[in-house]
Amino acid sequence: IVIALGALGLTTRVAAFVPTPVVFGVVAGNVLPFVVGTFEALQTEGLLVGAALAAYLVGRRALPPRVPPILPALVVGVALAAVTGRLHGLAAGWTWPALTPATPSFTPAAVLTVVPIAVPLIALHANLTAVGYLRSEAYVPPARAIEVTTGVATMVASVFGPCPICMGALVTPLTAGPEAGERSVRPWAAYAGAVGFLLIALGAGVAADLPAL
């Protein structure tokens, strides 16, 4: 369905009618839980979270645009956690992530359960939001190619489970917006983000231990 939407250009037509403030509203809705979570954590870990938040604000004010303010926040947070004895080793140690093929089950119940959720999430919530944001930054994203590619990629990924492949609506503003620095260097933010996600994928075998760490 996602491939068909892209091939027919339907998502592109919808994107043309979606006002930019609506796109920003969706992005803000994605970010809001993290903001709320920060202030909730202040109640239990005031020193650690407060120091990281302060480092973020100082970095945002003092550092050049090419240095993301989240970097000093991460450094300060990890350093303070280590000094105060909050860092612990991984219980199971690092292992390679396992890709286990899972044969898709074509049953009416599975189709009716997954499709009404997966298609809007991929085509509207993720791809449409990302394309709308890119256009607001004066880029010209290939909307049809994005839809077709994500549709094909989701079909390939389904061999390993119901994993939708789509544009990162939460990541797009970080790599294509002013937070990524001057316009001439913003493409590097996408490459840096991709490398970061690959490193996270390599650590997927210990993902359950990371919050405890």
N, C-alpha and C. Protein backbone atom coordinates (compact mmCIF):
# COMPACT_ATOMS: atom_id res chain seq x y z
N ILE A 1 0.83 -1.21 0.00
CA ILE A 1 0.00 0.00 0.00
C ILE A 1 0.86 1.26 0.00
N VAL A 2 1.94 1.25 0.79
CA VAL A 2 2.84 2.41 0.84
C VAL A 2 3.50 2.63 -0.52
N ILE A 3 3.92 1.52 -1.16
CA ILE A 3 4.51 1.62 -2.51
C ILE A 3 3.51 2.22 -3.48
N ALA A 4 2.26 1.77 -3.41
CA ALA A 4 1.22 2.28 -4.31
C ALA A 4 0.96 3.76 -4.07
N LEU A 5 0.93 4.16 -2.80
CA LEU A 5 0.73 5.57 -2.49
C LEU A 5 1.83 6.43 -3.10
N GLY A 6 3.07 5.93 -3.02
CA GLY A 6 4.18 6.69 -3.59
C GLY A 6 4.14 6.71 -5.10
N ALA A 7 3.86 5.55 -5.71
CA ALA A 7 3.83 5.47 -7.17
C ALA A 7 2.75 6.37 -7.77
N LEU A 8 1.62 6.46 -7.07
CA LEU A 8 0.52 7.31 -7.56
C LEU A 8 0.67 8.77 -7.14
N GLY A 9 1.65 9.06 -6.31
CA GLY A 9 1.88 10.43 -5.88
C GLY A 9 0.83 10.96 -4.92
N LEU A 10 0.07 10.06 -4.26
CA LEU A 10 -1.01 10.52 -3.39
C LEU A 10 -0.46 11.22 -2.14
N THR A 11 0.61 10.68 -1.57
CA THR A 11 1.18 11.30 -0.38
C THR A 11 1.71 12.69 -0.71
N THR A 12 2.29 12.84 -1.90
CA THR A 12 2.80 14.15 -2.33
C THR A 12 1.68 15.16 -2.41
N ARG A 13 0.54 14.72 -2.93
CA ARG A 13 -0.60 15.63 -3.04
C ARG A 13 -1.12 16.03 -1.67
N VAL A 14 -1.15 15.05 -0.76
CA VAL A 14 -1.60 15.37 0.60
C VAL A 14 -0.64 16.36 1.25
N ALA A 15 0.67 16.15 1.04
CA ALA A 15 1.68 17.00 1.66
C ALA A 15 1.51 18.45 1.23
N ALA A 16 1.07 18.66 0.00
CA ALA A 16 0.91 20.03 -0.51
C ALA A 16 -0.19 20.79 0.22
N PHE A 17 -1.11 20.06 0.84
CA PHE A 17 -2.23 20.71 1.52
C PHE A 17 -2.05 20.79 3.04
N VAL A 18 -0.97 20.20 3.55
CA VAL A 18 -0.74 20.22 5.00
C VAL A 18 0.01 21.49 5.38
N PRO A 19 -0.59 22.36 6.19
CA PRO A 19 0.09 23.60 6.59
C PRO A 19 1.35 23.30 7.39
N THR A 20 2.35 24.15 7.22
CA THR A 20 3.62 23.97 7.94
C THR A 20 3.44 23.93 9.45
N PRO A 21 2.57 24.78 10.06
CA PRO A 21 2.39 24.69 11.51
C PRO A 21 1.91 23.32 11.98
N VAL A 22 1.13 22.63 11.14
CA VAL A 22 0.68 21.29 11.50
C VAL A 22 1.88 20.33 11.55
N VAL A 23 2.79 20.47 10.58
CA VAL A 23 3.99 19.64 10.56
C VAL A 23 4.81 19.89 11.82
N PHE A 24 5.00 21.17 12.17
CA PHE A 24 5.76 21.50 13.37
C PHE A 24 5.06 20.96 14.62
N GLY A 25 3.73 20.95 14.60
CA GLY A 25 2.98 20.42 15.73
C GLY A 25 3.22 18.94 15.93
N VAL A 26 3.28 18.19 14.83
CA VAL A 26 3.55 16.75 14.92
C VAL A 26 4.96 16.51 15.47
N VAL A 27 5.93 17.30 14.95
CA VAL A 27 7.31 17.15 15.44
C VAL A 27 7.38 17.47 16.93
N ALA A 28 6.70 18.56 17.33
CA ALA A 28 6.70 18.94 18.74
C ALA A 28 6.05 17.86 19.60
N GLY A 29 5.00 17.24 19.09
CA GLY A 29 4.35 16.15 19.81
C GLY A 29 5.27 14.97 20.02
N ASN A 30 6.16 14.71 19.04
CA ASN A 30 7.13 13.62 19.18
C ASN A 30 8.18 13.94 20.24
N VAL A 31 8.55 15.22 20.34
CA VAL A 31 9.63 15.64 21.24
C VAL A 31 9.13 15.83 22.66
N LEU A 32 7.86 16.23 22.81
CA LEU A 32 7.33 16.62 24.12
C LEU A 32 7.53 15.57 25.21
N PRO A 33 7.31 14.27 24.95
CA PRO A 33 7.51 13.29 26.03
C PRO A 33 8.93 13.32 26.61
N PHE A 34 9.93 13.59 25.76
CA PHE A 34 11.31 13.65 26.25
C PHE A 34 11.52 14.87 27.14
N VAL A 35 10.89 15.99 26.75
CA VAL A 35 11.01 17.21 27.56
C VAL A 35 10.35 17.00 28.92
N VAL A 36 9.15 16.44 28.91
CA VAL A 36 8.44 16.17 30.16
C VAL A 36 9.23 15.19 31.03
N GLY A 37 9.80 14.17 30.38
CA GLY A 37 10.58 13.18 31.12
C GLY A 37 11.79 13.78 31.80
N THR A 38 12.39 14.80 31.17
CA THR A 38 13.55 15.47 31.78
C THR A 38 13.17 16.11 33.10
N PHE A 39 12.06 16.82 33.13
CA PHE A 39 11.65 17.51 34.35
C PHE A 39 11.11 16.54 35.40
N GLU A 40 10.56 15.42 34.96
CA GLU A 40 10.15 14.40 35.92
C GLU A 40 11.38 13.78 36.59
N ALA A 41 12.45 13.58 35.80
CA ALA A 41 13.67 12.99 36.35
C ALA A 41 14.37 13.93 37.31
N LEU A 42 14.13 15.24 37.17
CA LEU A 42 14.74 16.20 38.09
C LEU A 42 14.31 15.95 39.53
N GLN A 43 13.14 15.38 39.71
CA GLN A 43 12.63 15.15 41.06
C GLN A 43 13.39 14.05 41.78
N THR A 44 13.91 13.08 41.03
CA THR A 44 14.60 11.96 41.65
C THR A 44 16.12 12.04 41.50
N GLU A 45 16.59 12.64 40.41
CA GLU A 45 18.03 12.77 40.17
C GLU A 45 18.35 14.23 39.86
N GLY A 46 18.11 15.10 40.83
CA GLY A 46 18.25 16.52 40.61
C GLY A 46 19.64 16.95 40.19
N LEU A 47 20.66 16.43 40.85
CA LEU A 47 22.04 16.83 40.55
C LEU A 47 22.47 16.36 39.17
N LEU A 48 22.25 15.09 38.88
CA LEU A 48 22.69 14.51 37.62
C LEU A 48 21.96 15.14 36.43
N VAL A 49 20.64 15.15 36.50
CA VAL A 49 19.85 15.69 35.39
C VAL A 49 20.01 17.20 35.30
N GLY A 50 20.07 17.86 36.45
CA GLY A 50 20.24 19.31 36.44
C GLY A 50 21.56 19.73 35.82
N ALA A 51 22.63 19.00 36.13
CA ALA A 51 23.95 19.32 35.56
C ALA A 51 23.95 19.11 34.05
N ALA A 52 23.34 18.02 33.60
CA ALA A 52 23.28 17.75 32.16
C ALA A 52 22.44 18.81 31.45
N LEU A 53 21.33 19.21 32.07
CA LEU A 53 20.48 20.24 31.49
C LEU A 53 21.21 21.58 31.43
N ALA A 54 21.94 21.90 32.49
CA ALA A 54 22.72 23.15 32.51
C ALA A 54 23.79 23.13 31.43
N ALA A 55 24.45 21.99 31.25
CA ALA A 55 25.47 21.88 30.21
C ALA A 55 24.86 22.06 28.82
N TYR A 56 23.65 21.54 28.64
CA TYR A 56 22.95 21.72 27.36
C TYR A 56 22.68 23.20 27.09
N LEU A 57 22.17 23.89 28.10
CA LEU A 57 21.82 25.31 27.92
C LEU A 57 23.07 26.16 27.68
N VAL A 58 24.14 25.88 28.42
CA VAL A 58 25.39 26.62 28.22
C VAL A 58 25.97 26.32 26.84
N GLY A 59 25.94 25.05 26.45
CA GLY A 59 26.44 24.69 25.13
C GLY A 59 25.66 25.33 24.02
N ARG A 60 24.37 25.42 24.19
CA ARG A 60 23.52 26.06 23.18
C ARG A 60 23.86 27.53 23.03
N ARG A 61 24.25 28.16 24.13
CA ARG A 61 24.56 29.58 24.11
C ARG A 61 25.99 29.86 23.67
N ALA A 62 26.94 29.03 24.09
CA ALA A 62 28.35 29.37 23.91
C ALA A 62 29.04 28.66 22.75
N LEU A 63 28.58 27.46 22.41
CA LEU A 63 29.29 26.70 21.38
C LEU A 63 28.88 27.12 19.98
N PRO A 64 29.74 26.92 18.98
CA PRO A 64 29.38 27.23 17.58
C PRO A 64 28.29 26.30 17.09
N PRO A 65 27.56 26.68 16.04
CA PRO A 65 26.42 25.87 15.56
C PRO A 65 26.80 24.45 15.18
N ARG A 66 28.05 24.23 14.78
CA ARG A 66 28.43 22.90 14.32
C ARG A 66 28.59 21.90 15.47
N VAL A 67 28.63 22.39 16.70
CA VAL A 67 28.75 21.51 17.86
C VAL A 67 27.38 21.42 18.53
N PRO A 68 26.73 20.27 18.49
CA PRO A 68 25.39 20.15 19.08
C PRO A 68 25.45 20.28 20.59
N PRO A 69 24.54 21.04 21.20
CA PRO A 69 24.57 21.23 22.65
C PRO A 69 24.30 19.95 23.43
N ILE A 70 23.75 18.94 22.77
CA ILE A 70 23.51 17.67 23.46
C ILE A 70 24.82 16.97 23.79
N LEU A 71 25.92 17.31 23.04
CA LEU A 71 27.20 16.67 23.27
C LEU A 71 27.78 17.03 24.65
N PRO A 72 27.89 18.32 25.02
CA PRO A 72 28.37 18.61 26.38
C PRO A 72 27.43 18.08 27.45
N ALA A 73 26.13 18.03 27.18
CA ALA A 73 25.20 17.47 28.15
C ALA A 73 25.49 16.00 28.39
N LEU A 74 25.78 15.27 27.30
CA LEU A 74 26.09 13.84 27.43
C LEU A 74 27.40 13.63 28.19
N VAL A 75 28.42 14.43 27.85
CA VAL A 75 29.72 14.29 28.50
C VAL A 75 29.61 14.59 29.99
N VAL A 76 28.94 15.69 30.33
CA VAL A 76 28.79 16.06 31.74
C VAL A 76 27.97 15.02 32.49
N GLY A 77 26.90 14.54 31.87
CA GLY A 77 26.05 13.55 32.53
C GLY A 77 26.78 12.25 32.81
N VAL A 78 27.51 11.74 31.81
CA VAL A 78 28.24 10.48 31.98
C VAL A 78 29.36 10.66 33.00
N ALA A 79 30.08 11.79 32.91
CA ALA A 79 31.18 12.04 33.84
C ALA A 79 30.68 12.12 35.28
N LEU A 80 29.59 12.84 35.48
CA LEU A 80 29.04 12.98 36.83
C LEU A 80 28.52 11.65 37.36
N ALA A 81 27.92 10.86 36.46
CA ALA A 81 27.43 9.54 36.87
C ALA A 81 28.59 8.65 37.29
N ALA A 82 29.73 8.76 36.59
CA ALA A 82 30.89 7.96 36.93
C ALA A 82 31.49 8.40 38.27
N VAL A 83 31.59 9.72 38.47
CA VAL A 83 32.18 10.25 39.70
C VAL A 83 31.35 9.87 40.92
N THR A 84 30.04 9.87 40.76
CA THR A 84 29.16 9.58 41.89
C THR A 84 28.86 8.09 42.04
N GLY A 85 29.54 7.26 41.25
CA GLY A 85 29.39 5.81 41.40
C GLY A 85 28.11 5.24 40.84
N ARG A 86 27.48 5.94 39.88
CA ARG A 86 26.22 5.44 39.33
C ARG A 86 26.42 4.54 38.12
N LEU A 87 27.61 4.52 37.54
CA LEU A 87 27.84 3.69 36.37
C LEU A 87 28.23 2.27 36.81
N HIS A 88 27.63 1.30 36.16
CA HIS A 88 27.91 -0.11 36.47
C HIS A 88 28.17 -0.84 35.16
N GLY A 89 28.88 -1.93 35.25
CA GLY A 89 29.16 -2.71 34.06
C GLY A 89 27.93 -3.42 33.52
N LEU A 90 28.04 -3.89 32.29
CA LEU A 90 26.95 -4.64 31.67
C LEU A 90 26.90 -6.04 32.27
N ALA A 91 25.70 -6.47 32.59
CA ALA A 91 25.54 -7.76 33.26
C ALA A 91 25.95 -8.93 32.37
N ALA A 92 25.55 -8.86 31.08
CA ALA A 92 25.80 -10.00 30.20
C ALA A 92 26.99 -9.80 29.28
N GLY A 93 27.54 -8.60 29.21
CA GLY A 93 28.63 -8.34 28.28
C GLY A 93 28.10 -8.09 26.88
N TRP A 94 28.98 -7.62 26.01
CA TRP A 94 28.55 -7.26 24.66
C TRP A 94 28.53 -8.48 23.75
N THR A 95 27.50 -8.59 22.95
CA THR A 95 27.38 -9.68 21.98
C THR A 95 26.90 -9.12 20.65
N TRP A 96 27.21 -9.82 19.58
CA TRP A 96 26.72 -9.39 18.27
C TRP A 96 25.20 -9.49 18.23
N PRO A 97 24.53 -8.51 17.63
CA PRO A 97 23.07 -8.63 17.49
C PRO A 97 22.72 -9.77 16.55
N ALA A 98 21.65 -10.45 16.86
CA ALA A 98 21.24 -11.61 16.06
C ALA A 98 20.06 -11.23 15.16
N LEU A 99 20.18 -11.57 13.89
CA LEU A 99 19.07 -11.39 12.94
C LEU A 99 18.44 -12.76 12.71
N THR A 100 17.26 -12.95 13.23
CA THR A 100 16.59 -14.24 13.12
C THR A 100 15.43 -14.14 12.13
N PRO A 101 15.53 -14.79 10.99
CA PRO A 101 14.43 -14.74 10.02
C PRO A 101 13.13 -15.27 10.62
N ALA A 102 12.05 -14.58 10.31
CA ALA A 102 10.73 -15.01 10.77
C ALA A 102 9.79 -15.01 9.57
N THR A 103 9.31 -16.18 9.20
CA THR A 103 8.45 -16.28 8.03
C THR A 103 7.15 -15.52 8.27
N PRO A 104 6.83 -14.55 7.39
CA PRO A 104 5.58 -13.80 7.58
C PRO A 104 4.36 -14.72 7.52
N SER A 105 3.36 -14.37 8.33
CA SER A 105 2.14 -15.15 8.37
C SER A 105 1.02 -14.35 7.69
N PHE A 106 0.57 -14.82 6.54
CA PHE A 106 -0.46 -14.12 5.78
C PHE A 106 -1.84 -14.61 6.20
N THR A 107 -2.32 -14.06 7.31
CA THR A 107 -3.66 -14.39 7.79
C THR A 107 -4.50 -13.13 7.79
N PRO A 108 -5.79 -13.25 7.58
CA PRO A 108 -6.66 -12.06 7.59
C PRO A 108 -6.53 -11.27 8.90
N ALA A 109 -6.41 -11.98 10.01
CA ALA A 109 -6.30 -11.29 11.30
C ALA A 109 -5.03 -10.46 11.37
N ALA A 110 -3.91 -11.02 10.89
CA ALA A 110 -2.64 -10.30 10.93
C ALA A 110 -2.70 -9.06 10.02
N VAL A 111 -3.25 -9.25 8.83
CA VAL A 111 -3.33 -8.13 7.88
C VAL A 111 -4.22 -7.01 8.43
N LEU A 112 -5.37 -7.38 8.96
CA LEU A 112 -6.31 -6.38 9.47
C LEU A 112 -5.79 -5.70 10.74
N THR A 113 -4.89 -6.37 11.44
CA THR A 113 -4.34 -5.79 12.66
C THR A 113 -3.19 -4.84 12.37
N VAL A 114 -2.29 -5.24 11.46
CA VAL A 114 -1.07 -4.49 11.21
C VAL A 114 -1.27 -3.35 10.21
N VAL A 115 -1.95 -3.61 9.10
CA VAL A 115 -2.03 -2.64 8.01
C VAL A 115 -2.64 -1.29 8.44
N PRO A 116 -3.78 -1.27 9.14
CA PRO A 116 -4.36 0.03 9.49
C PRO A 116 -3.47 0.87 10.40
N ILE A 117 -2.51 0.23 11.07
CA ILE A 117 -1.59 0.97 11.93
C ILE A 117 -0.30 1.30 11.20
N ALA A 118 0.26 0.32 10.49
CA ALA A 118 1.57 0.51 9.87
C ALA A 118 1.53 1.52 8.73
N VAL A 119 0.50 1.46 7.89
CA VAL A 119 0.46 2.36 6.72
C VAL A 119 0.37 3.83 7.14
N PRO A 120 -0.55 4.22 8.03
CA PRO A 120 -0.56 5.63 8.46
C PRO A 120 0.73 6.05 9.16
N LEU A 121 1.31 5.15 9.96
CA LEU A 121 2.55 5.49 10.64
C LEU A 121 3.67 5.76 9.65
N ILE A 122 3.78 4.93 8.62
CA ILE A 122 4.86 5.09 7.64
C ILE A 122 4.58 6.27 6.72
N ALA A 123 3.42 6.25 6.06
CA ALA A 123 3.15 7.22 5.00
C ALA A 123 2.80 8.60 5.54
N LEU A 124 2.04 8.68 6.62
CA LEU A 124 1.54 9.98 7.08
C LEU A 124 2.35 10.53 8.25
N HIS A 125 2.42 9.76 9.33
CA HIS A 125 3.09 10.28 10.53
C HIS A 125 4.58 10.49 10.31
N ALA A 126 5.25 9.55 9.65
CA ALA A 126 6.70 9.63 9.48
C ALA A 126 7.10 10.33 8.18
N ASN A 127 6.78 9.72 7.04
CA ASN A 127 7.23 10.26 5.76
C ASN A 127 6.65 11.63 5.45
N LEU A 128 5.35 11.77 5.64
CA LEU A 128 4.70 13.05 5.32
C LEU A 128 5.23 14.17 6.21
N THR A 129 5.42 13.88 7.49
CA THR A 129 5.96 14.89 8.40
C THR A 129 7.37 15.29 8.01
N ALA A 130 8.21 14.30 7.70
CA ALA A 130 9.59 14.59 7.33
C ALA A 130 9.66 15.38 6.03
N VAL A 131 8.87 14.98 5.04
CA VAL A 131 8.85 15.69 3.76
C VAL A 131 8.36 17.13 3.96
N GLY A 132 7.33 17.29 4.77
CA GLY A 132 6.82 18.64 5.03
C GLY A 132 7.86 19.51 5.70
N TYR A 133 8.60 18.94 6.65
CA TYR A 133 9.64 19.73 7.33
C TYR A 133 10.76 20.09 6.35
N LEU A 134 11.19 19.14 5.53
CA LEU A 134 12.24 19.43 4.56
C LEU A 134 11.83 20.55 3.62
N ARG A 135 10.58 20.54 3.20
CA ARG A 135 10.10 21.61 2.33
C ARG A 135 10.07 22.95 3.06
N SER A 136 9.78 22.93 4.36
CA SER A 136 9.77 24.18 5.12
C SER A 136 11.17 24.78 5.22
N GLU A 137 12.20 23.92 5.06
CA GLU A 137 13.58 24.39 5.07
C GLU A 137 14.12 24.62 3.67
N ALA A 138 13.22 24.71 2.70
CA ALA A 138 13.55 25.03 1.29
C ALA A 138 14.30 23.90 0.58
N TYR A 139 14.18 22.67 1.08
CA TYR A 139 14.70 21.52 0.36
C TYR A 139 13.61 21.00 -0.58
N VAL A 140 14.04 20.17 -1.54
CA VAL A 140 13.08 19.57 -2.48
C VAL A 140 13.21 18.05 -2.38
N PRO A 141 12.60 17.44 -1.37
CA PRO A 141 12.75 15.98 -1.18
C PRO A 141 11.98 15.21 -2.25
N PRO A 142 12.53 14.09 -2.73
CA PRO A 142 11.83 13.26 -3.72
C PRO A 142 10.76 12.41 -3.04
N ALA A 143 9.60 12.99 -2.83
CA ALA A 143 8.56 12.35 -2.02
C ALA A 143 8.15 10.98 -2.56
N ARG A 144 7.98 10.88 -3.88
CA ARG A 144 7.56 9.60 -4.45
C ARG A 144 8.61 8.52 -4.23
N ALA A 145 9.87 8.89 -4.47
CA ALA A 145 10.95 7.91 -4.28
C ALA A 145 11.05 7.49 -2.82
N ILE A 146 10.80 8.42 -1.90
CA ILE A 146 10.84 8.10 -0.48
C ILE A 146 9.76 7.07 -0.14
N GLU A 147 8.55 7.29 -0.64
CA GLU A 147 7.45 6.35 -0.35
C GLU A 147 7.74 4.97 -0.92
N VAL A 148 8.16 4.92 -2.18
CA VAL A 148 8.42 3.62 -2.81
C VAL A 148 9.56 2.90 -2.09
N THR A 149 10.63 3.64 -1.77
CA THR A 149 11.78 3.03 -1.10
C THR A 149 11.42 2.50 0.27
N THR A 150 10.68 3.29 1.04
CA THR A 150 10.31 2.83 2.38
C THR A 150 9.35 1.65 2.31
N GLY A 151 8.49 1.63 1.31
CA GLY A 151 7.59 0.50 1.14
C GLY A 151 8.34 -0.78 0.83
N VAL A 152 9.29 -0.70 -0.12
CA VAL A 152 10.10 -1.88 -0.47
C VAL A 152 10.94 -2.32 0.73
N ALA A 153 11.55 -1.34 1.43
CA ALA A 153 12.40 -1.67 2.57
C ALA A 153 11.60 -2.34 3.69
N THR A 154 10.36 -1.90 3.89
CA THR A 154 9.51 -2.51 4.91
C THR A 154 9.18 -3.96 4.54
N MET A 155 8.96 -4.20 3.25
CA MET A 155 8.70 -5.58 2.81
C MET A 155 9.92 -6.47 3.06
N VAL A 156 11.12 -5.95 2.78
CA VAL A 156 12.34 -6.72 3.02
C VAL A 156 12.53 -6.97 4.51
N ALA A 157 12.31 -5.91 5.32
CA ALA A 157 12.49 -6.04 6.76
C ALA A 157 11.47 -6.99 7.38
N SER A 158 10.33 -7.19 6.72
CA SER A 158 9.28 -8.05 7.29
C SER A 158 9.74 -9.50 7.41
N VAL A 159 10.82 -9.84 6.70
CA VAL A 159 11.36 -11.18 6.82
C VAL A 159 11.89 -11.41 8.24
N PHE A 160 12.25 -10.32 8.94
CA PHE A 160 12.77 -10.42 10.30
C PHE A 160 11.75 -9.96 11.34
N GLY A 161 10.52 -9.71 10.92
CA GLY A 161 9.48 -9.27 11.85
C GLY A 161 8.79 -8.02 11.34
N PRO A 162 7.69 -7.62 11.96
CA PRO A 162 6.93 -6.44 11.51
C PRO A 162 7.65 -5.15 11.90
N CYS A 163 8.65 -4.77 11.11
CA CYS A 163 9.46 -3.58 11.40
C CYS A 163 9.26 -2.54 10.30
N PRO A 164 8.49 -1.49 10.54
CA PRO A 164 8.29 -0.47 9.50
C PRO A 164 9.55 0.35 9.27
N ILE A 165 9.92 0.54 8.01
CA ILE A 165 11.06 1.37 7.63
C ILE A 165 10.52 2.68 7.08
N CYS A 166 10.92 3.79 7.66
CA CYS A 166 10.33 5.07 7.25
C CYS A 166 11.31 6.20 7.54
N MET A 167 10.93 7.39 7.11
CA MET A 167 11.70 8.59 7.42
C MET A 167 11.64 8.85 8.92
N GLY A 168 12.70 9.40 9.47
CA GLY A 168 12.74 9.69 10.89
C GLY A 168 12.18 11.08 11.16
N ALA A 169 10.88 11.16 11.45
CA ALA A 169 10.25 12.47 11.67
C ALA A 169 10.87 13.19 12.87
N LEU A 170 11.36 12.41 13.85
CA LEU A 170 11.97 13.01 15.03
C LEU A 170 13.41 13.45 14.75
N VAL A 171 14.08 12.74 13.84
CA VAL A 171 15.49 13.01 13.55
C VAL A 171 15.66 14.06 12.46
N THR A 172 14.70 14.16 11.54
CA THR A 172 14.83 15.08 10.41
C THR A 172 15.11 16.52 10.82
N PRO A 173 14.39 17.10 11.80
CA PRO A 173 14.72 18.48 12.19
C PRO A 173 16.12 18.63 12.76
N LEU A 174 16.66 17.56 13.35
CA LEU A 174 18.00 17.63 13.93
C LEU A 174 19.08 17.60 12.86
N THR A 175 18.78 16.99 11.71
CA THR A 175 19.78 16.87 10.65
C THR A 175 19.57 17.84 9.51
N ALA A 176 18.37 18.39 9.36
CA ALA A 176 18.08 19.28 8.24
C ALA A 176 17.73 20.70 8.67
N GLY A 177 17.61 20.93 9.97
CA GLY A 177 17.23 22.25 10.46
C GLY A 177 18.40 23.07 10.95
N PRO A 178 18.14 24.24 11.47
CA PRO A 178 19.20 25.13 11.96
C PRO A 178 20.08 24.51 13.03
N GLU A 179 19.54 23.54 13.80
CA GLU A 179 20.33 22.90 14.85
C GLU A 179 21.53 22.15 14.28
N ALA A 180 21.48 21.81 12.98
CA ALA A 180 22.57 21.05 12.36
C ALA A 180 23.67 21.95 11.83
N GLY A 181 23.58 23.26 12.07
CA GLY A 181 24.61 24.18 11.62
C GLY A 181 24.24 24.89 10.34
N GLU A 182 25.27 25.48 9.70
CA GLU A 182 25.02 26.20 8.46
C GLU A 182 24.50 25.25 7.39
N ARG A 183 23.76 25.80 6.45
CA ARG A 183 23.11 24.97 5.44
C ARG A 183 24.13 24.14 4.64
N SER A 184 25.33 24.69 4.44
CA SER A 184 26.32 24.00 3.62
C SER A 184 26.86 22.73 4.27
N VAL A 185 26.77 22.63 5.59
CA VAL A 185 27.32 21.46 6.28
C VAL A 185 26.24 20.52 6.81
N ARG A 186 24.98 20.88 6.62
CA ARG A 186 23.91 20.05 7.18
C ARG A 186 23.89 18.62 6.64
N PRO A 187 24.24 18.38 5.36
CA PRO A 187 24.25 16.98 4.91
C PRO A 187 25.16 16.08 5.75
N TRP A 188 26.23 16.65 6.33
CA TRP A 188 27.11 15.84 7.17
C TRP A 188 26.38 15.35 8.42
N ALA A 189 25.39 16.12 8.87
CA ALA A 189 24.62 15.71 10.05
C ALA A 189 23.88 14.41 9.77
N ALA A 190 23.38 14.24 8.55
CA ALA A 190 22.68 13.01 8.19
C ALA A 190 23.63 11.81 8.21
N TYR A 191 24.85 12.02 7.69
CA TYR A 191 25.83 10.92 7.70
C TYR A 191 26.25 10.60 9.14
N ALA A 192 26.49 11.63 9.94
CA ALA A 192 26.88 11.40 11.34
C ALA A 192 25.78 10.66 12.09
N GLY A 193 24.52 11.07 11.85
CA GLY A 193 23.40 10.38 12.50
C GLY A 193 23.30 8.94 12.06
N ALA A 194 23.53 8.68 10.78
CA ALA A 194 23.45 7.31 10.27
C ALA A 194 24.52 6.42 10.92
N VAL A 195 25.73 6.96 11.06
CA VAL A 195 26.80 6.20 11.71
C VAL A 195 26.42 5.91 13.16
N GLY A 196 25.84 6.92 13.83
CA GLY A 196 25.41 6.72 15.21
C GLY A 196 24.39 5.61 15.34
N PHE A 197 23.42 5.59 14.41
CA PHE A 197 22.39 4.55 14.46
C PHE A 197 22.98 3.17 14.19
N LEU A 198 23.99 3.09 13.30
CA LEU A 198 24.64 1.81 13.04
C LEU A 198 25.36 1.31 14.29
N LEU A 199 26.00 2.23 15.01
CA LEU A 199 26.68 1.83 16.25
C LEU A 199 25.66 1.35 17.29
N ILE A 200 24.51 2.03 17.35
CA ILE A 200 23.46 1.59 18.27
C ILE A 200 22.97 0.19 17.87
N ALA A 201 22.85 -0.04 16.55
CA ALA A 201 22.40 -1.36 16.08
C ALA A 201 23.39 -2.45 16.48
N LEU A 202 24.69 -2.13 16.42
CA LEU A 202 25.70 -3.12 16.80
C LEU A 202 25.61 -3.43 18.29
N GLY A 203 25.08 -2.48 19.07
CA GLY A 203 24.91 -2.71 20.50
C GLY A 203 23.55 -3.22 20.87
N ALA A 204 22.77 -3.63 19.86
CA ALA A 204 21.41 -4.07 20.15
C ALA A 204 21.37 -5.30 21.05
N GLY A 205 22.45 -6.09 21.02
CA GLY A 205 22.48 -7.28 21.87
C GLY A 205 22.51 -6.97 23.35
N VAL A 206 22.92 -5.73 23.69
CA VAL A 206 22.97 -5.35 25.11
C VAL A 206 21.99 -4.20 25.39
N ALA A 207 21.05 -3.99 24.48
CA ALA A 207 20.13 -2.85 24.63
C ALA A 207 19.36 -2.90 25.94
N ALA A 208 19.00 -4.10 26.37
CA ALA A 208 18.22 -4.22 27.61
C ALA A 208 19.04 -3.82 28.82
N ASP A 209 20.39 -3.95 28.71
CA ASP A 209 21.25 -3.62 29.85
C ASP A 209 21.62 -2.14 29.90
N LEU A 210 21.44 -1.43 28.79
CA LEU A 210 21.89 -0.04 28.74
C LEU A 210 21.19 0.86 29.75
N PRO A 211 19.85 0.77 29.94
CA PRO A 211 19.23 1.60 30.98
C PRO A 211 19.80 1.32 32.37
N ALA A 212 20.07 0.04 32.64
CA ALA A 212 20.65 -0.29 33.95
C ALA A 212 22.06 0.28 34.08
N LEU A 213 22.83 0.29 32.97
CA LEU A 213 24.17 0.87 32.98
C LEU A 213 24.10 2.35 33.32
